[in-house]
Amino acid sequence: MSGLISVMLGSLLGAIARYFVSGFVARRIGETFPWGTLLINVSGAFVIGIFGALAENKASILASPDNWLFAVTGFLGCYTTVSSFSLQSLALARDGERVRAISYVGSSVVLSLAAVALGFALGDLIK
């Protein structure tokens, strides 16, 4: 049960952070290009990289399952989903699985774009 609470609390804070960061960027720069989303995704990938590296040390605070669930699954999961994708791609590449890493990146991009196009098309049919 403590894992679920960790995810819930992290998710709450991640969603709030995303709301404020994207709003701040939109007010400062505008919304003609998704700069807020770009900033969120890049910063989330940067943070999960740090957390992933820190978690390899068994003495690290992030080696604890509840802390990982709070910080990565909860907070970064709601802040951005690109952070997990980035860490997984890097892990495959670092493990020498370059073909799988490239396949993962390619299929993730293609499938995500296909899914958004399909959802957009379905939304057009419903409205």
N, C-alpha and C. Protein backbone atom coordinates (compact mmCIF):
# COMPACT_ATOMS: atom_id res chain seq x y z
N MET A 1 0.81 -1.20 0.00
CA MET A 1 0.00 0.00 0.00
C MET A 1 0.85 1.26 0.00
N SER A 2 2.04 1.20 0.62
CA SER A 2 2.88 2.40 0.66
C SER A 2 3.36 2.76 -0.74
N GLY A 3 3.53 1.76 -1.63
CA GLY A 3 3.90 2.04 -3.01
C GLY A 3 2.83 2.83 -3.73
N LEU A 4 1.59 2.47 -3.53
CA LEU A 4 0.48 3.18 -4.15
C LEU A 4 0.42 4.62 -3.65
N ILE A 5 0.60 4.82 -2.37
CA ILE A 5 0.59 6.17 -1.81
C ILE A 5 1.76 6.99 -2.36
N SER A 6 2.92 6.36 -2.50
CA SER A 6 4.07 7.05 -3.08
C SER A 6 3.77 7.52 -4.50
N VAL A 7 3.17 6.65 -5.30
CA VAL A 7 2.83 7.01 -6.68
C VAL A 7 1.80 8.13 -6.69
N MET A 8 0.79 8.02 -5.84
CA MET A 8 -0.26 9.03 -5.79
C MET A 8 0.30 10.41 -5.42
N LEU A 9 1.12 10.47 -4.39
CA LEU A 9 1.68 11.75 -3.97
C LEU A 9 2.63 12.32 -5.03
N GLY A 10 3.46 11.47 -5.60
CA GLY A 10 4.36 11.92 -6.66
C GLY A 10 3.58 12.42 -7.87
N SER A 11 2.52 11.71 -8.23
CA SER A 11 1.69 12.10 -9.37
C SER A 11 1.04 13.46 -9.14
N LEU A 12 0.54 13.66 -7.95
CA LEU A 12 -0.07 14.95 -7.62
C LEU A 12 0.92 16.08 -7.82
N LEU A 13 2.12 15.92 -7.29
CA LEU A 13 3.13 16.97 -7.40
C LEU A 13 3.64 17.13 -8.82
N GLY A 14 3.78 16.02 -9.56
CA GLY A 14 4.23 16.10 -10.95
C GLY A 14 3.22 16.82 -11.84
N ALA A 15 1.95 16.54 -11.62
CA ALA A 15 0.91 17.20 -12.41
C ALA A 15 0.88 18.69 -12.12
N ILE A 16 1.03 19.06 -10.87
CA ILE A 16 1.05 20.47 -10.50
C ILE A 16 2.27 21.16 -11.10
N ALA A 17 3.42 20.51 -11.03
CA ALA A 17 4.64 21.08 -11.60
C ALA A 17 4.48 21.30 -13.11
N ARG A 18 3.93 20.31 -13.79
CA ARG A 18 3.73 20.45 -15.24
C ARG A 18 2.80 21.61 -15.55
N TYR A 19 1.74 21.73 -14.79
CA TYR A 19 0.78 22.81 -14.99
C TYR A 19 1.47 24.18 -14.86
N PHE A 20 2.24 24.35 -13.81
CA PHE A 20 2.88 25.64 -13.58
C PHE A 20 4.02 25.92 -14.57
N VAL A 21 4.82 24.92 -14.88
CA VAL A 21 5.93 25.13 -15.82
C VAL A 21 5.39 25.45 -17.21
N SER A 22 4.46 24.66 -17.70
CA SER A 22 3.94 24.92 -19.05
C SER A 22 3.19 26.25 -19.10
N GLY A 23 2.48 26.60 -18.04
CA GLY A 23 1.79 27.88 -17.99
C GLY A 23 2.77 29.05 -17.97
N PHE A 24 3.82 28.92 -17.19
CA PHE A 24 4.85 29.96 -17.10
C PHE A 24 5.49 30.20 -18.47
N VAL A 25 5.86 29.12 -19.14
CA VAL A 25 6.50 29.25 -20.45
C VAL A 25 5.52 29.84 -21.46
N ALA A 26 4.28 29.40 -21.44
CA ALA A 26 3.28 29.92 -22.38
C ALA A 26 3.07 31.42 -22.18
N ARG A 27 3.03 31.86 -20.93
CA ARG A 27 2.86 33.30 -20.66
C ARG A 27 4.08 34.11 -21.09
N ARG A 28 5.26 33.55 -20.97
CA ARG A 28 6.50 34.27 -21.30
C ARG A 28 6.82 34.25 -22.79
N ILE A 29 6.61 33.12 -23.44
CA ILE A 29 7.05 32.94 -24.82
C ILE A 29 5.88 32.89 -25.80
N GLY A 30 4.75 32.39 -25.36
CA GLY A 30 3.61 32.22 -26.25
C GLY A 30 3.36 30.75 -26.52
N GLU A 31 2.32 30.51 -27.30
CA GLU A 31 1.91 29.14 -27.55
C GLU A 31 1.90 28.78 -29.03
N THR A 32 2.63 29.53 -29.85
CA THR A 32 2.67 29.19 -31.27
C THR A 32 3.53 27.96 -31.54
N PHE A 33 4.44 27.64 -30.63
CA PHE A 33 5.25 26.42 -30.66
C PHE A 33 5.19 25.85 -29.26
N PRO A 34 5.13 24.54 -29.10
CA PRO A 34 4.99 23.95 -27.75
C PRO A 34 6.29 24.00 -26.92
N TRP A 35 6.79 25.21 -26.68
CA TRP A 35 8.02 25.35 -25.90
C TRP A 35 7.87 24.80 -24.50
N GLY A 36 6.72 24.98 -23.90
CA GLY A 36 6.50 24.47 -22.54
C GLY A 36 6.61 22.96 -22.50
N THR A 37 5.97 22.30 -23.44
CA THR A 37 6.04 20.83 -23.50
C THR A 37 7.46 20.38 -23.79
N LEU A 38 8.13 21.08 -24.70
CA LEU A 38 9.51 20.73 -25.01
C LEU A 38 10.39 20.86 -23.77
N LEU A 39 10.22 21.96 -23.04
CA LEU A 39 10.99 22.15 -21.81
C LEU A 39 10.69 21.05 -20.79
N ILE A 40 9.43 20.73 -20.63
CA ILE A 40 9.03 19.69 -19.69
C ILE A 40 9.63 18.34 -20.08
N ASN A 41 9.53 17.97 -21.35
CA ASN A 41 10.04 16.68 -21.78
C ASN A 41 11.55 16.58 -21.66
N VAL A 42 12.25 17.63 -22.05
CA VAL A 42 13.71 17.61 -21.96
C VAL A 42 14.16 17.63 -20.50
N SER A 43 13.54 18.45 -19.68
CA SER A 43 13.94 18.49 -18.27
C SER A 43 13.58 17.19 -17.56
N GLY A 44 12.46 16.59 -17.91
CA GLY A 44 12.09 15.31 -17.32
C GLY A 44 13.08 14.21 -17.69
N ALA A 45 13.52 14.21 -18.95
CA ALA A 45 14.52 13.23 -19.39
C ALA A 45 15.83 13.45 -18.65
N PHE A 46 16.20 14.71 -18.49
CA PHE A 46 17.43 15.02 -17.76
C PHE A 46 17.35 14.52 -16.32
N VAL A 47 16.24 14.80 -15.65
CA VAL A 47 16.07 14.39 -14.25
C VAL A 47 16.02 12.88 -14.11
N ILE A 48 15.32 12.18 -15.00
CA ILE A 48 15.25 10.72 -14.87
C ILE A 48 16.62 10.09 -15.15
N GLY A 49 17.42 10.74 -15.98
CA GLY A 49 18.79 10.26 -16.19
C GLY A 49 19.60 10.34 -14.90
N ILE A 50 19.46 11.46 -14.23
CA ILE A 50 20.14 11.62 -12.94
C ILE A 50 19.63 10.58 -11.95
N PHE A 51 18.33 10.45 -11.84
CA PHE A 51 17.74 9.50 -10.89
C PHE A 51 18.14 8.06 -11.22
N GLY A 52 18.15 7.73 -12.52
CA GLY A 52 18.54 6.38 -12.92
C GLY A 52 19.97 6.06 -12.53
N ALA A 53 20.85 7.03 -12.76
CA ALA A 53 22.25 6.84 -12.38
C ALA A 53 22.39 6.72 -10.87
N LEU A 54 21.68 7.58 -10.14
CA LEU A 54 21.75 7.53 -8.68
C LEU A 54 21.19 6.23 -8.12
N ALA A 55 20.16 5.70 -8.76
CA ALA A 55 19.51 4.48 -8.26
C ALA A 55 20.40 3.25 -8.39
N GLU A 56 21.44 3.33 -9.25
CA GLU A 56 22.35 2.19 -9.37
C GLU A 56 23.18 1.99 -8.10
N ASN A 57 23.31 3.04 -7.30
CA ASN A 57 24.03 2.95 -6.02
C ASN A 57 23.04 2.46 -4.97
N LYS A 58 23.28 1.29 -4.41
CA LYS A 58 22.35 0.69 -3.44
C LYS A 58 22.16 1.55 -2.19
N ALA A 59 23.11 2.45 -1.90
CA ALA A 59 22.99 3.32 -0.73
C ALA A 59 22.20 4.59 -1.04
N SER A 60 21.86 4.80 -2.30
CA SER A 60 21.15 6.01 -2.71
C SER A 60 19.72 6.01 -2.19
N ILE A 61 19.21 7.19 -1.92
CA ILE A 61 17.82 7.33 -1.50
C ILE A 61 16.87 6.82 -2.59
N LEU A 62 17.30 6.90 -3.86
CA LEU A 62 16.45 6.45 -4.97
C LEU A 62 16.50 4.95 -5.19
N ALA A 63 17.37 4.24 -4.45
CA ALA A 63 17.41 2.78 -4.55
C ALA A 63 16.22 2.17 -3.80
N SER A 64 15.61 2.94 -2.93
CA SER A 64 14.43 2.48 -2.20
C SER A 64 13.24 2.42 -3.16
N PRO A 65 12.52 1.29 -3.19
CA PRO A 65 11.37 1.19 -4.11
C PRO A 65 10.33 2.28 -3.92
N ASP A 66 10.00 2.63 -2.68
CA ASP A 66 8.98 3.67 -2.47
C ASP A 66 9.46 5.03 -2.96
N ASN A 67 10.73 5.34 -2.77
CA ASN A 67 11.25 6.62 -3.24
C ASN A 67 11.29 6.66 -4.77
N TRP A 68 11.65 5.53 -5.41
CA TRP A 68 11.63 5.45 -6.86
C TRP A 68 10.19 5.62 -7.37
N LEU A 69 9.25 4.94 -6.73
CA LEU A 69 7.85 5.06 -7.14
C LEU A 69 7.35 6.49 -7.01
N PHE A 70 7.74 7.16 -5.94
CA PHE A 70 7.34 8.55 -5.73
C PHE A 70 7.95 9.45 -6.80
N ALA A 71 9.29 9.38 -6.95
CA ALA A 71 10.01 10.32 -7.81
C ALA A 71 9.84 10.04 -9.29
N VAL A 72 9.95 8.78 -9.69
CA VAL A 72 9.97 8.45 -11.11
C VAL A 72 8.58 8.06 -11.61
N THR A 73 7.99 7.03 -11.03
CA THR A 73 6.68 6.59 -11.50
C THR A 73 5.62 7.66 -11.25
N GLY A 74 5.63 8.24 -10.07
CA GLY A 74 4.62 9.25 -9.74
C GLY A 74 4.92 10.62 -10.32
N PHE A 75 5.97 11.26 -9.78
CA PHE A 75 6.25 12.65 -10.18
C PHE A 75 6.56 12.76 -11.67
N LEU A 76 7.60 12.07 -12.13
CA LEU A 76 7.98 12.20 -13.54
C LEU A 76 6.95 11.57 -14.47
N GLY A 77 6.25 10.55 -13.98
CA GLY A 77 5.20 9.95 -14.80
C GLY A 77 4.09 10.93 -15.11
N CYS A 78 3.79 11.81 -14.17
CA CYS A 78 2.78 12.84 -14.43
C CYS A 78 3.39 14.10 -15.03
N TYR A 79 4.62 14.37 -14.69
CA TYR A 79 5.29 15.54 -15.26
C TYR A 79 5.53 15.33 -16.75
N THR A 80 6.01 14.15 -17.12
CA THR A 80 6.25 13.81 -18.52
C THR A 80 6.33 12.31 -18.69
N THR A 81 5.99 11.85 -19.87
CA THR A 81 6.18 10.43 -20.16
C THR A 81 7.44 10.20 -20.98
N VAL A 82 8.01 11.24 -21.52
CA VAL A 82 9.21 11.12 -22.33
C VAL A 82 10.41 10.73 -21.49
N SER A 83 10.40 11.05 -20.22
CA SER A 83 11.54 10.72 -19.36
C SER A 83 11.77 9.21 -19.29
N SER A 84 10.72 8.45 -19.13
CA SER A 84 10.86 6.99 -19.09
C SER A 84 11.33 6.46 -20.44
N PHE A 85 10.76 6.96 -21.52
CA PHE A 85 11.16 6.56 -22.86
C PHE A 85 12.66 6.83 -23.07
N SER A 86 13.12 7.98 -22.64
CA SER A 86 14.52 8.35 -22.82
C SER A 86 15.45 7.44 -22.04
N LEU A 87 15.09 7.16 -20.80
CA LEU A 87 15.92 6.30 -19.96
C LEU A 87 15.98 4.88 -20.52
N GLN A 88 14.85 4.37 -20.97
CA GLN A 88 14.82 3.02 -21.53
C GLN A 88 15.62 2.93 -22.82
N SER A 89 15.54 3.94 -23.65
CA SER A 89 16.33 3.98 -24.89
C SER A 89 17.81 4.01 -24.59
N LEU A 90 18.21 4.84 -23.63
CA LEU A 90 19.61 4.93 -23.24
C LEU A 90 20.10 3.61 -22.65
N ALA A 91 19.27 2.98 -21.83
CA ALA A 91 19.66 1.71 -21.22
C ALA A 91 19.92 0.64 -22.28
N LEU A 92 19.05 0.57 -23.28
CA LEU A 92 19.26 -0.39 -24.37
C LEU A 92 20.56 -0.09 -25.10
N ALA A 93 20.79 1.16 -25.41
CA ALA A 93 22.01 1.53 -26.13
C ALA A 93 23.26 1.26 -25.29
N ARG A 94 23.20 1.60 -24.01
CA ARG A 94 24.35 1.38 -23.12
C ARG A 94 24.63 -0.10 -22.92
N ASP A 95 23.58 -0.91 -23.02
CA ASP A 95 23.74 -2.36 -22.86
C ASP A 95 24.20 -3.02 -24.16
N GLY A 96 24.52 -2.22 -25.17
CA GLY A 96 25.00 -2.76 -26.43
C GLY A 96 23.92 -3.25 -27.36
N GLU A 97 22.69 -2.96 -27.05
CA GLU A 97 21.55 -3.42 -27.86
C GLU A 97 21.10 -2.28 -28.78
N ARG A 98 21.99 -1.89 -29.65
CA ARG A 98 21.74 -0.73 -30.51
C ARG A 98 20.56 -0.95 -31.46
N VAL A 99 20.46 -2.13 -32.02
CA VAL A 99 19.35 -2.42 -32.95
C VAL A 99 18.02 -2.33 -32.20
N ARG A 100 17.98 -2.89 -31.00
CA ARG A 100 16.75 -2.80 -30.19
C ARG A 100 16.47 -1.36 -29.78
N ALA A 101 17.52 -0.60 -29.44
CA ALA A 101 17.34 0.80 -29.06
C ALA A 101 16.76 1.59 -30.23
N ILE A 102 17.34 1.40 -31.42
CA ILE A 102 16.85 2.10 -32.60
C ILE A 102 15.43 1.65 -32.94
N SER A 103 15.17 0.36 -32.83
CA SER A 103 13.81 -0.15 -33.08
C SER A 103 12.81 0.43 -32.08
N TYR A 104 13.23 0.53 -30.82
CA TYR A 104 12.36 1.08 -29.78
C TYR A 104 12.06 2.54 -30.05
N VAL A 105 13.09 3.31 -30.37
CA VAL A 105 12.89 4.73 -30.65
C VAL A 105 11.98 4.89 -31.88
N GLY A 106 12.32 4.19 -32.94
CA GLY A 106 11.53 4.31 -34.16
C GLY A 106 10.08 3.88 -33.98
N SER A 107 9.90 2.73 -33.35
CA SER A 107 8.52 2.26 -33.17
C SER A 107 7.75 3.14 -32.21
N SER A 108 8.41 3.67 -31.19
CA SER A 108 7.73 4.58 -30.25
C SER A 108 7.25 5.84 -30.95
N VAL A 109 8.12 6.41 -31.78
CA VAL A 109 7.74 7.63 -32.49
C VAL A 109 6.63 7.34 -33.50
N VAL A 110 6.81 6.29 -34.29
CA VAL A 110 5.82 5.96 -35.33
C VAL A 110 4.48 5.60 -34.70
N LEU A 111 4.50 4.74 -33.69
CA LEU A 111 3.24 4.34 -33.05
C LEU A 111 2.56 5.50 -32.32
N SER A 112 3.37 6.35 -31.68
CA SER A 112 2.78 7.52 -30.99
C SER A 112 2.14 8.48 -31.99
N LEU A 113 2.84 8.72 -33.09
CA LEU A 113 2.26 9.60 -34.12
C LEU A 113 1.01 8.98 -34.74
N ALA A 114 1.05 7.67 -34.97
CA ALA A 114 -0.13 6.99 -35.52
C ALA A 114 -1.30 7.05 -34.55
N ALA A 115 -1.00 6.87 -33.27
CA ALA A 115 -2.06 6.91 -32.25
C ALA A 115 -2.67 8.31 -32.15
N VAL A 116 -1.83 9.34 -32.18
CA VAL A 116 -2.37 10.70 -32.09
C VAL A 116 -3.17 11.04 -33.35
N ALA A 117 -2.72 10.57 -34.50
CA ALA A 117 -3.47 10.81 -35.74
C ALA A 117 -4.82 10.09 -35.70
N LEU A 118 -4.81 8.86 -35.21
CA LEU A 118 -6.06 8.09 -35.10
C LEU A 118 -7.01 8.76 -34.10
N GLY A 119 -6.49 9.16 -32.95
CA GLY A 119 -7.30 9.86 -31.97
C GLY A 119 -7.86 11.17 -32.51
N PHE A 120 -7.03 11.90 -33.25
CA PHE A 120 -7.47 13.15 -33.86
C PHE A 120 -8.59 12.90 -34.85
N ALA A 121 -8.41 11.86 -35.66
CA ALA A 121 -9.44 11.52 -36.65
C ALA A 121 -10.74 11.12 -35.97
N LEU A 122 -10.63 10.32 -34.92
CA LEU A 122 -11.83 9.90 -34.17
C LEU A 122 -12.50 11.11 -33.53
N GLY A 123 -11.72 12.00 -32.97
CA GLY A 123 -12.28 13.23 -32.38
C GLY A 123 -13.02 14.06 -33.41
N ASP A 124 -12.46 14.14 -34.63
CA ASP A 124 -13.15 14.87 -35.70
C ASP A 124 -14.49 14.24 -36.04
N LEU A 125 -14.56 12.90 -35.98
CA LEU A 125 -15.82 12.21 -36.29
C LEU A 125 -16.87 12.45 -35.20
N ILE A 126 -16.43 12.56 -33.97
CA ILE A 126 -17.36 12.71 -32.83
C ILE A 126 -17.92 14.12 -32.75
N LYS A 127 -17.11 15.14 -33.04
CA LYS A 127 -17.58 16.53 -32.84
C LYS A 127 -18.57 16.99 -33.83
